[in-house]
PDB file of N, CA and C in Angstrom:
ATOM      1  N   UNK A   1     132.601 129.021 179.800  1.00  0.00           N
ATOM      2  CA  UNK A   1     132.610 130.355 179.223  1.00  0.00           C
ATOM      3  C   UNK A   1     132.820 130.290 177.709  1.00  0.00           C
ATOM      4  N   UNK A   2     133.688 129.381 177.266  1.00  0.00           N
ATOM      5  CA  UNK A   2     133.913 129.250 175.828  1.00  0.00           C
ATOM      6  C   UNK A   2     132.651 128.788 175.110  1.00  0.00           C
ATOM      7  N   UNK A   3     131.893 127.915 175.766  1.00  0.00           N
ATOM      8  CA  UNK A   3     130.635 127.459 175.181  1.00  0.00           C
ATOM      9  C   UNK A   3     129.649 128.599 175.006  1.00  0.00           C
ATOM     10  N   UNK A   4     129.545 129.456 175.999  1.00  0.00           N
ATOM     11  CA  UNK A   4     128.642 130.611 175.923  1.00  0.00           C
ATOM     12  C   UNK A   4     129.064 131.528 174.781  1.00  0.00           C
ATOM     13  N   UNK A   5     130.345 131.805 174.680  1.00  0.00           N
ATOM     14  CA  UNK A   5     130.833 132.672 173.602  1.00  0.00           C
ATOM     15  C   UNK A   5     130.586 132.058 172.228  1.00  0.00           C
ATOM     16  N   UNK A   6     130.785 130.764 172.111  1.00  0.00           N
ATOM     17  CA  UNK A   6     130.549 130.087 170.832  1.00  0.00           C
ATOM     18  C   UNK A   6     129.073 130.134 170.452  1.00  0.00           C
ATOM     19  N   UNK A   7     128.195 129.880 171.420  1.00  0.00           N
ATOM     20  CA  UNK A   7     126.758 129.928 171.140  1.00  0.00           C
ATOM     21  C   UNK A   7     126.344 131.344 170.763  1.00  0.00           C
ATOM     22  N   UNK A   8     126.846 132.347 171.484  1.00  0.00           N
ATOM     23  CA  UNK A   8     126.513 133.725 171.130  1.00  0.00           C
ATOM     24  C   UNK A   8     127.000 134.060 169.723  1.00  0.00           C
ATOM     25  N   UNK A   9     128.220 133.655 169.409  1.00  0.00           N
ATOM     26  CA  UNK A   9     128.803 134.010 168.109  1.00  0.00           C
ATOM     27  C   UNK A   9     128.003 133.432 166.949  1.00  0.00           C
ATOM     28  N   UNK A  10     127.676 132.154 167.024  1.00  0.00           N
ATOM     29  CA  UNK A  10     126.916 131.505 165.946  1.00  0.00           C
ATOM     30  C   UNK A  10     125.505 132.082 165.876  1.00  0.00           C
ATOM     31  N   UNK A  11     124.873 132.274 167.029  1.00  0.00           N
ATOM     32  CA  UNK A  11     123.522 132.835 167.046  1.00  0.00           C
ATOM     33  C   UNK A  11     123.511 134.240 166.481  1.00  0.00           C
ATOM     34  N   UNK A  12     124.473 135.053 166.871  1.00  0.00           N
ATOM     35  CA  UNK A  12     124.534 136.432 166.362  1.00  0.00           C
ATOM     36  C   UNK A  12     124.790 136.444 164.861  1.00  0.00           C
ATOM     37  N   UNK A  13     125.635 135.562 164.384  1.00  0.00           N
ATOM     38  CA  UNK A  13     125.898 135.467 162.949  1.00  0.00           C
ATOM     39  C   UNK A  13     124.611 135.175 162.187  1.00  0.00           C
ATOM     40  N   UNK A  14     123.868 134.179 162.628  1.00  0.00           N
ATOM     41  CA  UNK A  14     122.644 133.795 161.926  1.00  0.00           C
ATOM     42  C   UNK A  14     121.519 134.812 162.090  1.00  0.00           C
ATOM     43  N   UNK A  15     121.492 135.500 163.222  1.00  0.00           N
ATOM     44  CA  UNK A  15     120.417 136.435 163.515  1.00  0.00           C
ATOM     45  C   UNK A  15     120.630 137.820 162.916  1.00  0.00           C
ATOM     46  N   UNK A  16     121.857 138.336 162.971  1.00  0.00           N
ATOM     47  CA  UNK A  16     122.038 139.765 162.703  1.00  0.00           C
ATOM     48  C   UNK A  16     123.090 140.122 161.664  1.00  0.00           C
ATOM     49  N   UNK A  17     123.855 139.174 161.168  1.00  0.00           N
ATOM     50  CA  UNK A  17     124.950 139.522 160.270  1.00  0.00           C
ATOM     51  C   UNK A  17     124.668 139.048 158.854  1.00  0.00           C
ATOM     52  N   UNK A  18     125.376 139.660 157.901  1.00  0.00           N
ATOM     53  CA  UNK A  18     125.235 139.276 156.503  1.00  0.00           C
ATOM     54  C   UNK A  18     126.054 138.035 156.166  1.00  0.00           C
ATOM     55  N   UNK A  19     127.164 137.860 156.863  1.00  0.00           N
ATOM     56  CA  UNK A  19     128.030 136.719 156.585  1.00  0.00           C
ATOM     57  C   UNK A  19     128.930 136.980 155.398  1.00  0.00           C
ATOM     58  N   UNK A  20     129.901 136.106 155.203  1.00  0.00           N
ATOM     59  CA  UNK A  20     130.788 136.288 154.060  1.00  0.00           C
ATOM     60  C   UNK A  20     130.017 136.095 152.749  1.00  0.00           C
ATOM     61  N   UNK A  21     130.256 136.976 151.816  1.00  0.00           N
ATOM     62  CA  UNK A  21     129.595 136.965 150.511  1.00  0.00           C
ATOM     63  C   UNK A  21     128.070 136.984 150.633  1.00  0.00           C
ATOM     64  N   UNK A  22     127.558 137.574 151.711  1.00  0.00           N
ATOM     65  CA  UNK A  22     126.116 137.693 151.968  1.00  0.00           C
ATOM     66  C   UNK A  22     125.401 136.343 152.035  1.00  0.00           C
ATOM     67  N   UNK A  23     126.119 135.302 152.402  1.00  0.00           N
ATOM     68  CA  UNK A  23     125.531 133.962 152.467  1.00  0.00           C
ATOM     69  C   UNK A  23     124.433 133.895 153.525  1.00  0.00           C
ATOM     70  N   UNK A  24     124.671 134.476 154.681  1.00  0.00           N
ATOM     71  CA  UNK A  24     123.709 134.367 155.780  1.00  0.00           C
ATOM     72  C   UNK A  24     122.460 135.192 155.500  1.00  0.00           C
ATOM     73  N   UNK A  25     122.631 136.348 154.914  1.00  0.00           N
ATOM     74  CA  UNK A  25     121.448 137.159 154.598  1.00  0.00           C
ATOM     75  C   UNK A  25     120.603 136.456 153.532  1.00  0.00           C
ATOM     76  N   UNK A  26     121.235 135.778 152.586  1.00  0.00           N
ATOM     77  CA  UNK A  26     120.481 135.011 151.593  1.00  0.00           C
ATOM     78  C   UNK A  26     119.760 133.838 152.242  1.00  0.00           C
ATOM     79  N   UNK A  27     120.398 133.229 153.235  1.00  0.00           N
ATOM     80  CA  UNK A  27     119.755 132.139 153.976  1.00  0.00           C
ATOM     81  C   UNK A  27     118.507 132.645 154.686  1.00  0.00           C
ATOM     82  N   UNK A  28     118.618 133.806 155.341  1.00  0.00           N
ATOM     83  CA  UNK A  28     117.458 134.367 156.040  1.00  0.00           C
ATOM     84  C   UNK A  28     116.341 134.718 155.070  1.00  0.00           C
ATOM     85  N   UNK A  29     116.679 135.266 153.913  1.00  0.00           N
ATOM     86  CA  UNK A  29     115.658 135.611 152.921  1.00  0.00           C
ATOM     87  C   UNK A  29     114.991 134.358 152.364  1.00  0.00           C
ATOM     88  N   UNK A  30     115.770 133.329 152.114  1.00  0.00           N
ATOM     89  CA  UNK A  30     115.194 132.105 151.551  1.00  0.00           C
ATOM     90  C   UNK A  30     114.382 131.325 152.586  1.00  0.00           C
ATOM     91  N   UNK A  31     114.604 131.576 153.869  1.00  0.00           N
ATOM     92  CA  UNK A  31     113.845 130.893 154.913  1.00  0.00           C
ATOM     93  C   UNK A  31     112.383 131.321 154.904  1.00  0.00           C
ATOM     94  N   UNK A  32     112.116 132.520 154.426  1.00  0.00           N
ATOM     95  CA  UNK A  32     110.746 132.980 154.294  1.00  0.00           C
ATOM     96  C   UNK A  32     110.056 133.221 155.625  1.00  0.00           C
ATOM     97  N   UNK A  33     108.748 132.974 155.619  1.00  0.00           N
ATOM     98  CA  UNK A  33     107.922 133.253 156.797  1.00  0.00           C
ATOM     99  C   UNK A  33     107.549 131.983 157.553  1.00  0.00           C
ATOM    100  N   UNK A  34     108.145 130.866 157.200  1.00  0.00           N
ATOM    101  CA  UNK A  34     107.849 129.608 157.882  1.00  0.00           C
ATOM    102  C   UNK A  34     108.574 129.499 159.206  1.00  0.00           C
ATOM    103  N   UNK A  35     108.644 128.270 159.705  1.00  0.00           N
ATOM    104  CA  UNK A  35     109.273 128.024 161.002  1.00  0.00           C
ATOM    105  C   UNK A  35     110.710 128.522 161.030  1.00  0.00           C
ATOM    106  N   UNK A  36     111.493 128.168 160.018  1.00  0.00           N
ATOM    107  CA  UNK A  36     112.904 128.567 159.992  1.00  0.00           C
ATOM    108  C   UNK A  36     113.052 130.085 159.905  1.00  0.00           C
ATOM    109  N   UNK A  37     112.214 130.720 159.108  1.00  0.00           N
ATOM    110  CA  UNK A  37     112.267 132.179 158.996  1.00  0.00           C
ATOM    111  C   UNK A  37     111.956 132.867 160.307  1.00  0.00           C
ATOM    112  N   UNK A  38     110.933 132.374 161.011  1.00  0.00           N
ATOM    113  CA  UNK A  38     110.586 132.944 162.308  1.00  0.00           C
ATOM    114  C   UNK A  38     111.681 132.672 163.331  1.00  0.00           C
ATOM    115  N   UNK A  39     112.294 131.498 163.243  1.00  0.00           N
ATOM    116  CA  UNK A  39     113.381 131.151 164.155  1.00  0.00           C
ATOM    117  C   UNK A  39     114.565 132.094 163.979  1.00  0.00           C
ATOM    118  N   UNK A  40     114.897 132.403 162.733  1.00  0.00           N
ATOM    119  CA  UNK A  40     116.024 133.284 162.455  1.00  0.00           C
ATOM    120  C   UNK A  40     115.737 134.744 162.814  1.00  0.00           C
ATOM    121  N   UNK A  41     114.482 135.072 163.064  1.00  0.00           N
ATOM    122  CA  UNK A  41     114.108 136.436 163.455  1.00  0.00           C
ATOM    123  C   UNK A  41     114.081 136.637 164.962  1.00  0.00           C
ATOM    124  N   UNK A  42     114.285 135.583 165.731  1.00  0.00           N
ATOM    125  CA  UNK A  42     114.199 135.673 167.196  1.00  0.00           C
ATOM    126  C   UNK A  42     115.511 135.190 167.814  1.00  0.00           C
ATOM    127  N   UNK A  43     116.285 136.112 168.360  1.00  0.00           N
ATOM    128  CA  UNK A  43     117.575 135.750 168.941  1.00  0.00           C
ATOM    129  C   UNK A  43     117.395 134.753 170.077  1.00  0.00           C
ATOM    130  N   UNK A  44     116.388 134.968 170.907  1.00  0.00           N
ATOM    131  CA  UNK A  44     116.182 134.103 172.075  1.00  0.00           C
ATOM    132  C   UNK A  44     115.872 132.671 171.637  1.00  0.00           C
ATOM    133  N   UNK A  45     114.972 132.517 170.697  1.00  0.00           N
ATOM    134  CA  UNK A  45     114.599 131.183 170.196  1.00  0.00           C
ATOM    135  C   UNK A  45     115.789 130.516 169.514  1.00  0.00           C
ATOM    136  N   UNK A  46     116.461 131.272 168.677  1.00  0.00           N
ATOM    137  CA  UNK A  46     117.595 130.732 167.936  1.00  0.00           C
ATOM    138  C   UNK A  46     118.717 130.291 168.862  1.00  0.00           C
ATOM    139  N   UNK A  47     118.930 131.037 169.951  1.00  0.00           N
ATOM    140  CA  UNK A  47     120.005 130.662 170.878  1.00  0.00           C
ATOM    141  C   UNK A  47     119.724 129.310 171.535  1.00  0.00           C
ATOM    142  N   UNK A  48     118.469 128.983 171.771  1.00  0.00           N
ATOM    143  CA  UNK A  48     118.138 127.659 172.326  1.00  0.00           C
ATOM    144  C   UNK A  48     118.511 126.552 171.347  1.00  0.00           C
ATOM    145  N   UNK A  49     118.205 126.759 170.076  1.00  0.00           N
ATOM    146  CA  UNK A  49     118.508 125.747 169.062  1.00  0.00           C
ATOM    147  C   UNK A  49     120.008 125.621 168.811  1.00  0.00           C
ATOM    148  N   UNK A  50     120.734 126.704 168.923  1.00  0.00           N
ATOM    149  CA  UNK A  50     122.189 126.656 168.755  1.00  0.00           C
ATOM    150  C   UNK A  50     122.847 126.039 169.992  1.00  0.00           C
ATOM    151  N   UNK A  51     122.298 126.318 171.162  1.00  0.00           N
ATOM    152  CA  UNK A  51     122.862 125.796 172.407  1.00  0.00           C
ATOM    153  C   UNK A  51     122.671 124.289 172.542  1.00  0.00           C
ATOM    154  N   UNK A  52     121.615 123.740 171.965  1.00  0.00           N
ATOM    155  CA  UNK A  52     121.323 122.309 172.130  1.00  0.00           C
ATOM    156  C   UNK A  52     122.465 121.410 171.635  1.00  0.00           C
ATOM    157  N   UNK A  53     122.944 121.557 170.397  1.00  0.00           N
ATOM    158  CA  UNK A  53     124.063 120.691 169.985  1.00  0.00           C
ATOM    159  C   UNK A  53     125.359 121.005 170.733  1.00  0.00           C
ATOM    160  N   UNK A  54     125.541 122.261 171.129  1.00  0.00           N
ATOM    161  CA  UNK A  54     126.727 122.609 171.912  1.00  0.00           C
ATOM    162  C   UNK A  54     126.692 121.891 173.254  1.00  0.00           C
ATOM    163  N   UNK A  55     125.523 121.841 173.883  1.00  0.00           N
ATOM    164  CA  UNK A  55     125.380 121.154 175.173  1.00  0.00           C
ATOM    165  C   UNK A  55     125.583 119.649 175.009  1.00  0.00           C
ATOM    166  N   UNK A  56     125.111 119.089 173.908  1.00  0.00           N
ATOM    167  CA  UNK A  56     125.337 117.661 173.658  1.00  0.00           C
ATOM    168  C   UNK A  56     126.825 117.359 173.531  1.00  0.00           C
ATOM    169  N   UNK A  57     127.540 118.273 172.910  1.00  0.00           N
ATOM    170  CA  UNK A  57     128.981 118.085 172.704  1.00  0.00           C
ATOM    171  C   UNK A  57     129.770 118.279 174.001  1.00  0.00           C
ATOM    172  N   UNK A  58     129.389 119.277 174.785  1.00  0.00           N
ATOM    173  CA  UNK A  58     130.150 119.626 175.987  1.00  0.00           C
ATOM    174  C   UNK A  58     129.784 118.745 177.180  1.00  0.00           C
ATOM    175  N   UNK A  59     128.494 118.486 177.361  1.00  0.00           N
ATOM    176  CA  UNK A  59     128.026 117.752 178.538  1.00  0.00           C
ATOM    177  C   UNK A  59     128.349 116.274 178.476  1.00  0.00           C
ATOM    178  N   UNK A  60     128.282 115.617 179.634  1.00  0.00           N
ATOM    179  CA  UNK A  60     128.616 114.190 179.676  1.00  0.00           C
ATOM    180  C   UNK A  60     127.423 113.316 180.032  1.00  0.00           C
ATOM    181  N   UNK A  61     126.430 113.839 180.714  1.00  0.00           N
ATOM    182  CA  UNK A  61     125.245 113.067 181.079  1.00  0.00           C
ATOM    183  C   UNK A  61     124.003 113.870 180.683  1.00  0.00           C
ATOM    184  N   UNK A  62     122.875 113.188 180.481  1.00  0.00           N
ATOM    185  CA  UNK A  62     121.681 113.865 179.988  1.00  0.00           C
ATOM    186  C   UNK A  62     121.178 114.976 180.890  1.00  0.00           C
ATOM    187  N   UNK A  63     121.120 114.794 182.197  1.00  0.00           N
ATOM    188  CA  UNK A  63     120.680 115.931 183.022  1.00  0.00           C
ATOM    189  C   UNK A  63     121.620 117.139 182.897  1.00  0.00           C
ATOM    190  N   UNK A  64     122.913 116.846 182.850  1.00  0.00           N
ATOM    191  CA  UNK A  64     123.890 117.931 182.685  1.00  0.00           C
ATOM    192  C   UNK A  64     123.695 118.627 181.347  1.00  0.00           C
ATOM    193  N   UNK A  65     123.466 117.876 180.290  1.00  0.00           N
ATOM    194  CA  UNK A  65     123.269 118.450 178.956  1.00  0.00           C
ATOM    195  C   UNK A  65     122.031 119.329 178.897  1.00  0.00           C
ATOM    196  N   UNK A  66     120.969 118.900 179.563  1.00  0.00           N
ATOM    197  CA  UNK A  66     119.739 119.685 179.574  1.00  0.00           C
ATOM    198  C   UNK A  66     119.972 121.051 180.227  1.00  0.00           C
ATOM    199  N   UNK A  67     120.529 121.044 181.414  1.00  0.00           N
ATOM    200  CA  UNK A  67     120.779 122.306 182.114  1.00  0.00           C
ATOM    201  C   UNK A  67     121.871 123.130 181.434  1.00  0.00           C
ATOM    202  N   UNK A  68     122.846 122.476 180.865  1.00  0.00           N
ATOM    203  CA  UNK A  68     123.912 123.179 180.160  1.00  0.00           C
ATOM    204  C   UNK A  68     123.363 123.897 178.931  1.00  0.00           C
ATOM    205  N   UNK A  69     122.450 123.259 178.211  1.00  0.00           N
ATOM    206  CA  UNK A  69     121.836 123.910 177.051  1.00  0.00           C
ATOM    207  C   UNK A  69     121.106 125.182 177.437  1.00  0.00           C
ATOM    208  N   UNK A  70     120.354 125.113 178.517  1.00  0.00           N
ATOM    209  CA  UNK A  70     119.647 126.306 178.993  1.00  0.00           C
ATOM    210  C   UNK A  70     120.628 127.380 179.453  1.00  0.00           C
ATOM    211  N   UNK A  71     121.688 126.964 180.135  1.00  0.00           N
ATOM    212  CA  UNK A  71     122.687 127.921 180.622  1.00  0.00           C
ATOM    213  C   UNK A  71     123.448 128.573 179.467  1.00  0.00           C
ATOM    214  N   UNK A  72     123.798 127.801 178.460  1.00  0.00           N
ATOM    215  CA  UNK A  72     124.506 128.356 177.299  1.00  0.00           C
ATOM    216  C   UNK A  72     123.628 129.385 176.582  1.00  0.00           C
ATOM    217  N   UNK A  73     122.353 129.055 176.416  1.00  0.00           N
ATOM    218  CA  UNK A  73     121.422 129.985 175.785  1.00  0.00           C
ATOM    219  C   UNK A  73     121.277 131.252 176.619  1.00  0.00           C
ATOM    220  N   UNK A  74     121.132 131.091 177.931  1.00  0.00           N
ATOM    221  CA  UNK A  74     120.993 132.256 178.809  1.00  0.00           C
ATOM    222  C   UNK A  74     122.230 133.142 178.759  1.00  0.00           C
ATOM    223  N   UNK A  75     123.398 132.534 178.755  1.00  0.00           N
ATOM    224  CA  UNK A  75     124.634 133.315 178.659  1.00  0.00           C
ATOM    225  C   UNK A  75     124.719 134.085 177.356  1.00  0.00           C
ATOM    226  N   UNK A  76     124.333 133.439 176.257  1.00  0.00           N
ATOM    227  CA  UNK A  76     124.345 134.112 174.959  1.00  0.00           C
ATOM    228  C   UNK A  76     123.354 135.274 174.942  1.00  0.00           C
ATOM    229  N   UNK A  77     122.193 135.079 175.560  1.00  0.00           N
ATOM    230  CA  UNK A  77     121.190 136.142 175.622  1.00  0.00           C
ATOM    231  C   UNK A  77     121.707 137.321 176.452  1.00  0.00           C
ATOM    232  N   UNK A  78     122.366 137.032 177.556  1.00  0.00           N
ATOM    233  CA  UNK A  78     122.933 138.113 178.371  1.00  0.00           C
ATOM    234  C   UNK A  78     123.965 138.913 177.594  1.00  0.00           C
ATOM    235  N   UNK A  79     124.840 138.219 176.881  1.00  0.00           N
ATOM    236  CA  UNK A  79     125.845 138.926 176.068  1.00  0.00           C
ATOM    237  C   UNK A  79     125.155 139.786 175.013  1.00  0.00           C
ATOM    238  N   UNK A  80     124.134 139.240 174.365  1.00  0.00           N
ATOM    239  CA  UNK A  80     123.416 139.992 173.331  1.00  0.00           C
ATOM    240  C   UNK A  80     122.744 141.226 173.911  1.00  0.00           C
ATOM    241  N   UNK A  81     122.140 141.088 175.056  1.00  0.00           N
ATOM    242  CA  UNK A  81     121.471 142.236 175.676  1.00  0.00           C
ATOM    243  C   UNK A  81     122.467 143.324 176.070  1.00  0.00           C
ATOM    244  N   UNK A  82     123.635 142.926 176.544  1.00  0.00           N
ATOM    245  CA  UNK A  82     124.657 143.906 176.934  1.00  0.00           C
ATOM    246  C   UNK A  82     125.248 144.588 175.706  1.00  0.00           C
ATOM    247  N   UNK A  83     125.509 143.837 174.654  1.00  0.00           N
ATOM    248  CA  UNK A  83     126.161 144.413 173.479  1.00  0.00           C
ATOM    249  C   UNK A  83     125.223 145.127 172.534  1.00  0.00           C
ATOM    250  N   UNK A  84     123.934 144.776 172.546  1.00  0.00           N
ATOM    251  CA  UNK A  84     123.009 145.407 171.597  1.00  0.00           C
ATOM    252  C   UNK A  84     122.274 146.598 172.199  1.00  0.00           C
ATOM    253  N   UNK A  85     122.306 146.723 173.511  1.00  0.00           N
ATOM    254  CA  UNK A  85     121.577 147.802 174.158  1.00  0.00           C
ATOM    255  C   UNK A  85     120.099 147.527 174.260  1.00  0.00           C
ATOM    256  N   UNK A  86     119.671 146.287 173.997  1.00  0.00           N
ATOM    257  CA  UNK A  86     118.266 145.887 174.105  1.00  0.00           C
ATOM    258  C   UNK A  86     117.856 145.871 175.567  1.00  0.00           C
ATOM    259  N   UNK A  87     116.884 146.658 175.916  1.00  0.00           N
ATOM    260  CA  UNK A  87     116.461 146.771 177.319  1.00  0.00           C
ATOM    261  C   UNK A  87     115.220 145.962 177.638  1.00  0.00           C
ATOM    262  N   UNK A  88     114.738 145.120 176.713  1.00  0.00           N
ATOM    263  CA  UNK A  88     113.536 144.325 176.963  1.00  0.00           C
ATOM    264  C   UNK A  88     113.828 143.029 177.622  1.00  0.00           C
TER     265      UNK A  88
END
């Protein structure tokens, strides 16, 4: 559960918040329209990339890490859908 909350928190920060001293919003603006810019515009995509290192840290074997990464991303997406009111 802590892993899911951590993945949601970091993903939400990068996706939707300005951050302290507007650092994150400047990061999103400087990312432009390339791969990183598109990644930062999609909560679902970004949660997969944030979940991957979290799963590497939490999991102990490669199969576990693979499924854990997907589960962490899914949990973060569920939290985002509940808190944002996104019905898609």
